[in-house]
N, C-alpha and C. Protein backbone atom coordinates (compact mmCIF):
# COMPACT_ATOMS: atom_id res chain seq x y z
N MET A 1 -13.18 13.46 14.92
CA MET A 1 -12.86 13.36 13.52
C MET A 1 -13.98 14.04 12.73
N SER A 2 -13.63 14.97 11.88
CA SER A 2 -14.64 15.72 11.14
C SER A 2 -15.18 14.89 9.98
N GLN A 3 -16.41 15.14 9.65
CA GLN A 3 -17.04 14.45 8.53
C GLN A 3 -16.73 15.18 7.23
N TRP A 4 -16.23 14.47 6.25
CA TRP A 4 -15.93 15.05 4.95
C TRP A 4 -16.90 14.49 3.95
N ARG A 5 -17.62 15.38 3.30
CA ARG A 5 -18.62 14.94 2.32
C ARG A 5 -18.36 15.66 1.01
N PRO A 6 -17.93 14.92 0.00
CA PRO A 6 -17.68 15.55 -1.29
C PRO A 6 -18.99 15.89 -2.01
N ARG A 7 -18.92 16.89 -2.83
CA ARG A 7 -20.09 17.27 -3.63
C ARG A 7 -20.32 16.23 -4.71
N PRO A 8 -21.53 16.15 -5.25
CA PRO A 8 -21.79 15.20 -6.33
C PRO A 8 -20.90 15.42 -7.55
N ALA A 9 -20.60 16.69 -7.84
CA ALA A 9 -19.73 16.98 -8.99
C ALA A 9 -18.33 16.40 -8.77
N THR A 10 -17.86 16.43 -7.52
CA THR A 10 -16.55 15.86 -7.20
C THR A 10 -16.57 14.35 -7.39
N GLN A 11 -17.63 13.72 -6.92
CA GLN A 11 -17.74 12.27 -7.07
C GLN A 11 -17.74 11.86 -8.54
N ILE A 12 -18.52 12.56 -9.34
CA ILE A 12 -18.60 12.23 -10.77
C ILE A 12 -17.28 12.56 -11.45
N GLY A 13 -16.70 13.71 -11.13
CA GLY A 13 -15.45 14.13 -11.76
C GLY A 13 -14.31 13.17 -11.50
N LEU A 14 -14.15 12.73 -10.26
CA LEU A 14 -13.07 11.81 -9.94
C LEU A 14 -13.26 10.46 -10.63
N ARG A 15 -14.48 10.01 -10.70
CA ARG A 15 -14.74 8.75 -11.39
C ARG A 15 -14.51 8.88 -12.90
N LEU A 16 -14.82 10.04 -13.45
CA LEU A 16 -14.55 10.26 -14.88
C LEU A 16 -13.05 10.33 -15.15
N ILE A 17 -12.29 10.92 -14.24
CA ILE A 17 -10.84 10.94 -14.38
C ILE A 17 -10.30 9.51 -14.35
N GLY A 18 -10.83 8.68 -13.45
CA GLY A 18 -10.43 7.28 -13.40
C GLY A 18 -10.74 6.56 -14.69
N LEU A 19 -11.91 6.82 -15.24
CA LEU A 19 -12.29 6.21 -16.51
C LEU A 19 -11.37 6.68 -17.63
N ALA A 20 -11.03 7.97 -17.63
CA ALA A 20 -10.13 8.50 -18.66
C ALA A 20 -8.74 7.87 -18.55
N LEU A 21 -8.27 7.66 -17.34
CA LEU A 21 -6.97 6.99 -17.17
C LEU A 21 -7.01 5.57 -17.71
N LEU A 22 -8.11 4.88 -17.47
CA LEU A 22 -8.23 3.51 -17.99
C LEU A 22 -8.33 3.50 -19.52
N ILE A 23 -9.02 4.47 -20.08
CA ILE A 23 -9.13 4.56 -21.53
C ILE A 23 -7.77 4.90 -22.15
N SER A 24 -6.98 5.70 -21.43
CA SER A 24 -5.65 6.08 -21.96
C SER A 24 -4.70 4.89 -22.01
N LEU A 25 -5.05 3.80 -21.39
CA LEU A 25 -4.19 2.62 -21.43
C LEU A 25 -4.11 2.01 -22.83
N ARG A 26 -5.15 2.15 -23.60
CA ARG A 26 -5.17 1.56 -24.95
C ARG A 26 -4.03 2.09 -25.82
N PRO A 27 -3.90 3.41 -26.01
CA PRO A 27 -2.78 3.89 -26.83
C PRO A 27 -1.42 3.66 -26.17
N GLN A 28 -1.36 3.73 -24.85
CA GLN A 28 -0.09 3.48 -24.16
C GLN A 28 0.36 2.03 -24.39
N ALA A 29 -0.57 1.11 -24.27
CA ALA A 29 -0.23 -0.30 -24.45
C ALA A 29 0.15 -0.58 -25.91
N ALA A 30 -0.53 0.06 -26.85
CA ALA A 30 -0.19 -0.14 -28.26
C ALA A 30 1.22 0.39 -28.55
N TRP A 31 1.55 1.55 -28.00
CA TRP A 31 2.88 2.12 -28.20
C TRP A 31 3.96 1.24 -27.55
N LEU A 32 3.66 0.75 -26.35
CA LEU A 32 4.61 -0.13 -25.66
C LEU A 32 4.81 -1.42 -26.46
N HIS A 33 3.74 -1.97 -26.97
CA HIS A 33 3.84 -3.19 -27.78
C HIS A 33 4.70 -2.94 -29.02
N LEU A 34 4.53 -1.80 -29.67
CA LEU A 34 5.33 -1.45 -30.83
C LEU A 34 6.81 -1.33 -30.47
N LEU A 35 7.10 -0.68 -29.34
CA LEU A 35 8.49 -0.51 -28.91
C LEU A 35 9.14 -1.85 -28.56
N VAL A 36 8.39 -2.74 -27.94
CA VAL A 36 8.92 -4.04 -27.56
C VAL A 36 9.23 -4.88 -28.80
N ARG A 37 8.39 -4.78 -29.81
CA ARG A 37 8.63 -5.55 -31.05
C ARG A 37 9.83 -5.01 -31.82
N GLN A 38 10.12 -3.71 -31.70
CA GLN A 38 11.24 -3.12 -32.43
C GLN A 38 12.59 -3.42 -31.80
N SER A 39 12.62 -3.55 -30.48
CA SER A 39 13.90 -3.71 -29.79
C SER A 39 13.87 -4.98 -28.95
N PRO A 40 14.87 -5.87 -29.14
CA PRO A 40 14.89 -7.10 -28.34
C PRO A 40 15.28 -6.85 -26.89
N SER A 41 16.01 -5.77 -26.62
CA SER A 41 16.40 -5.48 -25.24
C SER A 41 15.48 -4.41 -24.66
N VAL A 42 15.48 -4.32 -23.35
CA VAL A 42 14.63 -3.35 -22.66
C VAL A 42 15.33 -2.00 -22.66
N THR A 43 14.62 -0.98 -23.13
CA THR A 43 15.18 0.37 -23.17
C THR A 43 14.57 1.20 -22.05
N PRO A 44 15.21 2.32 -21.68
CA PRO A 44 14.63 3.19 -20.65
C PRO A 44 13.24 3.72 -21.04
N LEU A 45 13.04 3.98 -22.33
CA LEU A 45 11.72 4.45 -22.77
C LEU A 45 10.65 3.38 -22.53
N GLN A 46 11.00 2.12 -22.78
CA GLN A 46 10.04 1.04 -22.53
C GLN A 46 9.72 0.93 -21.04
N LEU A 47 10.74 1.07 -20.20
CA LEU A 47 10.50 1.01 -18.75
C LEU A 47 9.60 2.16 -18.29
N MET A 48 9.87 3.36 -18.81
CA MET A 48 9.04 4.50 -18.42
C MET A 48 7.61 4.34 -18.90
N LEU A 49 7.45 3.84 -20.11
CA LEU A 49 6.10 3.64 -20.65
C LEU A 49 5.37 2.53 -19.89
N ALA A 50 6.09 1.46 -19.53
CA ALA A 50 5.46 0.38 -18.76
C ALA A 50 5.05 0.87 -17.38
N SER A 51 5.90 1.69 -16.75
CA SER A 51 5.52 2.22 -15.43
C SER A 51 4.36 3.20 -15.56
N SER A 52 4.30 3.94 -16.66
CA SER A 52 3.17 4.84 -16.90
C SER A 52 1.88 4.04 -17.07
N CYS A 53 1.96 2.92 -17.77
CA CYS A 53 0.79 2.05 -17.92
C CYS A 53 0.32 1.52 -16.57
N PHE A 54 1.28 1.10 -15.76
CA PHE A 54 0.92 0.57 -14.44
C PHE A 54 0.27 1.66 -13.58
N MET A 55 0.87 2.84 -13.56
CA MET A 55 0.31 3.93 -12.74
C MET A 55 -1.07 4.35 -13.24
N SER A 56 -1.25 4.39 -14.55
CA SER A 56 -2.56 4.75 -15.10
C SER A 56 -3.60 3.70 -14.72
N ALA A 57 -3.21 2.44 -14.80
CA ALA A 57 -4.16 1.37 -14.45
C ALA A 57 -4.51 1.41 -12.96
N ALA A 58 -3.49 1.56 -12.11
CA ALA A 58 -3.74 1.55 -10.67
C ALA A 58 -4.56 2.77 -10.24
N ALA A 59 -4.16 3.94 -10.68
CA ALA A 59 -4.90 5.16 -10.30
C ALA A 59 -6.28 5.16 -10.93
N GLY A 60 -6.38 4.70 -12.17
CA GLY A 60 -7.67 4.69 -12.84
C GLY A 60 -8.68 3.79 -12.16
N ILE A 61 -8.27 2.59 -11.80
CA ILE A 61 -9.22 1.67 -11.16
C ILE A 61 -9.58 2.15 -9.76
N ALA A 62 -8.60 2.74 -9.06
CA ALA A 62 -8.88 3.25 -7.72
C ALA A 62 -9.86 4.42 -7.78
N LEU A 63 -9.64 5.34 -8.70
CA LEU A 63 -10.55 6.48 -8.82
C LEU A 63 -11.93 6.05 -9.32
N LEU A 64 -11.95 5.11 -10.25
CA LEU A 64 -13.24 4.68 -10.78
C LEU A 64 -14.07 3.96 -9.71
N LEU A 65 -13.44 3.09 -8.95
CA LEU A 65 -14.19 2.32 -7.95
C LEU A 65 -14.44 3.09 -6.65
N MET A 66 -13.42 3.82 -6.18
CA MET A 66 -13.53 4.46 -4.87
C MET A 66 -13.93 5.93 -4.97
N GLY A 67 -13.50 6.60 -6.02
CA GLY A 67 -13.81 8.03 -6.17
C GLY A 67 -13.24 8.83 -5.02
N PRO A 68 -14.03 9.73 -4.45
CA PRO A 68 -13.53 10.58 -3.37
C PRO A 68 -13.33 9.85 -2.05
N ASP A 69 -13.77 8.60 -1.95
CA ASP A 69 -13.56 7.86 -0.71
C ASP A 69 -12.09 7.55 -0.47
N LEU A 70 -11.24 7.74 -1.47
CA LEU A 70 -9.80 7.56 -1.28
C LEU A 70 -9.25 8.54 -0.25
N TRP A 71 -9.87 9.71 -0.15
CA TRP A 71 -9.40 10.74 0.79
C TRP A 71 -10.25 10.83 2.04
N LYS A 72 -11.07 9.86 2.25
CA LYS A 72 -11.94 9.84 3.42
C LYS A 72 -11.09 9.59 4.67
N PRO A 73 -11.28 10.38 5.72
CA PRO A 73 -10.51 10.15 6.95
C PRO A 73 -10.84 8.79 7.54
N VAL A 74 -9.84 8.14 8.06
CA VAL A 74 -10.02 6.85 8.70
C VAL A 74 -9.44 6.91 10.11
N ARG A 75 -9.98 6.10 10.98
CA ARG A 75 -9.44 6.02 12.33
C ARG A 75 -8.20 5.14 12.31
N VAL A 76 -7.20 5.58 13.04
CA VAL A 76 -5.96 4.84 13.13
C VAL A 76 -5.80 4.39 14.57
N ALA A 77 -5.38 3.16 14.76
CA ALA A 77 -5.18 2.63 16.11
C ALA A 77 -4.18 3.52 16.87
N ARG A 78 -4.37 3.61 18.17
CA ARG A 78 -3.53 4.49 18.98
C ARG A 78 -2.05 4.13 18.87
N ARG A 79 -1.75 2.86 18.70
CA ARG A 79 -0.35 2.47 18.65
C ARG A 79 0.35 2.97 17.39
N TRP A 80 -0.40 3.33 16.34
CA TRP A 80 0.21 3.83 15.11
C TRP A 80 0.22 5.35 15.05
N GLN A 81 -0.41 6.03 15.97
CA GLN A 81 -0.50 7.48 15.93
C GLN A 81 0.77 8.16 16.42
N ASN A 82 1.52 7.52 17.27
CA ASN A 82 2.64 8.14 17.94
C ASN A 82 3.88 8.24 17.07
N GLY A 83 4.15 7.30 16.25
CA GLY A 83 5.37 7.28 15.45
C GLY A 83 6.42 6.37 16.06
N ARG A 84 6.37 6.15 17.36
CA ARG A 84 7.28 5.21 17.99
C ARG A 84 6.64 3.83 17.93
N GLN A 85 7.47 2.84 17.75
CA GLN A 85 6.96 1.47 17.70
C GLN A 85 6.81 0.96 19.13
N ARG A 86 5.63 0.50 19.44
CA ARG A 86 5.39 -0.07 20.76
C ARG A 86 5.25 -1.56 20.62
N ALA A 87 5.99 -2.28 21.42
CA ALA A 87 5.96 -3.74 21.32
C ALA A 87 5.37 -4.36 22.57
N HIS A 88 4.37 -3.74 23.15
CA HIS A 88 3.76 -4.30 24.35
C HIS A 88 2.92 -5.51 23.98
N VAL A 89 3.25 -6.63 24.57
CA VAL A 89 2.54 -7.86 24.32
C VAL A 89 2.09 -8.42 25.66
N TRP A 90 0.84 -8.73 25.79
CA TRP A 90 0.26 -9.28 27.01
C TRP A 90 0.57 -8.41 28.23
N GLY A 91 0.59 -7.09 28.05
CA GLY A 91 0.78 -6.18 29.17
C GLY A 91 2.21 -6.05 29.65
N LYS A 92 3.17 -6.64 28.96
CA LYS A 92 4.56 -6.56 29.37
C LYS A 92 5.28 -5.57 28.48
N SER A 93 6.28 -4.91 29.04
CA SER A 93 7.05 -3.98 28.23
C SER A 93 8.01 -4.75 27.34
N PRO A 94 8.48 -4.12 26.24
CA PRO A 94 9.38 -4.84 25.34
C PRO A 94 10.70 -5.17 26.00
N ARG A 95 11.28 -6.30 25.58
CA ARG A 95 12.55 -6.75 26.15
C ARG A 95 13.70 -6.02 25.48
N THR A 96 14.75 -5.82 26.20
CA THR A 96 15.93 -5.20 25.63
C THR A 96 16.77 -6.25 24.93
N ALA A 97 17.75 -5.81 24.16
CA ALA A 97 18.62 -6.74 23.45
C ALA A 97 19.42 -7.59 24.44
N ASP A 98 19.83 -7.01 25.58
CA ASP A 98 20.58 -7.77 26.58
C ASP A 98 19.72 -8.89 27.17
N ASP A 99 18.44 -8.58 27.42
CA ASP A 99 17.54 -9.61 27.96
C ASP A 99 17.36 -10.74 26.95
N ALA A 100 17.24 -10.39 25.69
CA ALA A 100 17.01 -11.39 24.67
C ALA A 100 18.23 -12.30 24.50
N CYS A 101 19.43 -11.74 24.65
CA CYS A 101 20.65 -12.54 24.49
C CYS A 101 20.89 -13.44 25.70
N SER A 102 20.51 -12.99 26.88
CA SER A 102 20.78 -13.78 28.07
C SER A 102 19.77 -14.89 28.29
N SER A 103 18.67 -14.83 27.61
CA SER A 103 17.61 -15.82 27.79
C SER A 103 17.52 -16.74 26.59
N SER A 104 17.30 -18.01 26.84
CA SER A 104 17.15 -18.95 25.72
C SER A 104 15.82 -18.74 25.02
N ARG A 105 14.86 -18.11 25.72
CA ARG A 105 13.55 -17.88 25.13
C ARG A 105 13.56 -16.70 24.16
N GLY A 106 14.59 -15.85 24.18
CA GLY A 106 14.62 -14.66 23.36
C GLY A 106 15.23 -14.85 21.99
N ARG A 107 15.62 -16.08 21.66
CA ARG A 107 16.24 -16.30 20.36
C ARG A 107 15.22 -16.16 19.24
N PRO A 108 15.67 -15.60 18.09
CA PRO A 108 14.74 -15.52 16.96
C PRO A 108 14.32 -16.93 16.54
N GLY A 109 13.08 -17.07 16.19
CA GLY A 109 12.57 -18.36 15.77
C GLY A 109 12.11 -19.22 16.92
N SER A 110 12.29 -18.75 18.14
CA SER A 110 11.86 -19.51 19.31
C SER A 110 10.35 -19.60 19.32
N GLN A 111 9.84 -20.73 19.73
CA GLN A 111 8.40 -20.95 19.73
C GLN A 111 7.79 -20.73 21.11
N HIS A 112 8.47 -19.96 21.97
CA HIS A 112 7.97 -19.73 23.32
C HIS A 112 6.73 -18.84 23.28
N HIS A 113 5.71 -19.26 23.97
CA HIS A 113 4.48 -18.49 24.08
C HIS A 113 4.04 -18.61 25.53
N PRO A 114 3.95 -17.48 26.26
CA PRO A 114 3.69 -17.55 27.70
C PRO A 114 2.37 -18.24 28.05
N THR A 115 1.38 -18.17 27.22
CA THR A 115 0.10 -18.78 27.58
C THR A 115 0.04 -20.26 27.23
N LEU A 116 1.03 -20.75 26.49
CA LEU A 116 1.03 -22.15 26.10
C LEU A 116 1.98 -23.02 26.91
N GLU A 117 2.59 -22.44 27.94
CA GLU A 117 3.50 -23.22 28.77
C GLU A 117 2.74 -24.31 29.52
N LYS A 118 3.37 -25.45 29.63
CA LYS A 118 2.76 -26.55 30.40
C LYS A 118 3.07 -26.35 31.86
N SER A 119 2.10 -26.64 32.71
CA SER A 119 2.33 -26.48 34.14
C SER A 119 2.89 -27.73 34.75
């Protein structure tokens, strides 16, 4: 995995963008408040403005706190790299639907646990 190191200007710039997004919430919230007071029902414009407020808040706080670390490479467990879901539990291969139906232990909600069986 290669090391990614952002320049100081990138770190400052991304955090300033996050701060600008948070500052932009003030006029957005004032406009949304005005629209809500004018109309008793929810309009598409109000929904779009509310979603814009949410996106600005979420992106702004993420950029302000994390900055360029949002794009930092992370290690992913081998089971998530393939794209296929692997259900190996305790070294056993996953059961088929036929096996689950023929066994009383395969029912959903069953509390069977192989290591907790009484001898």
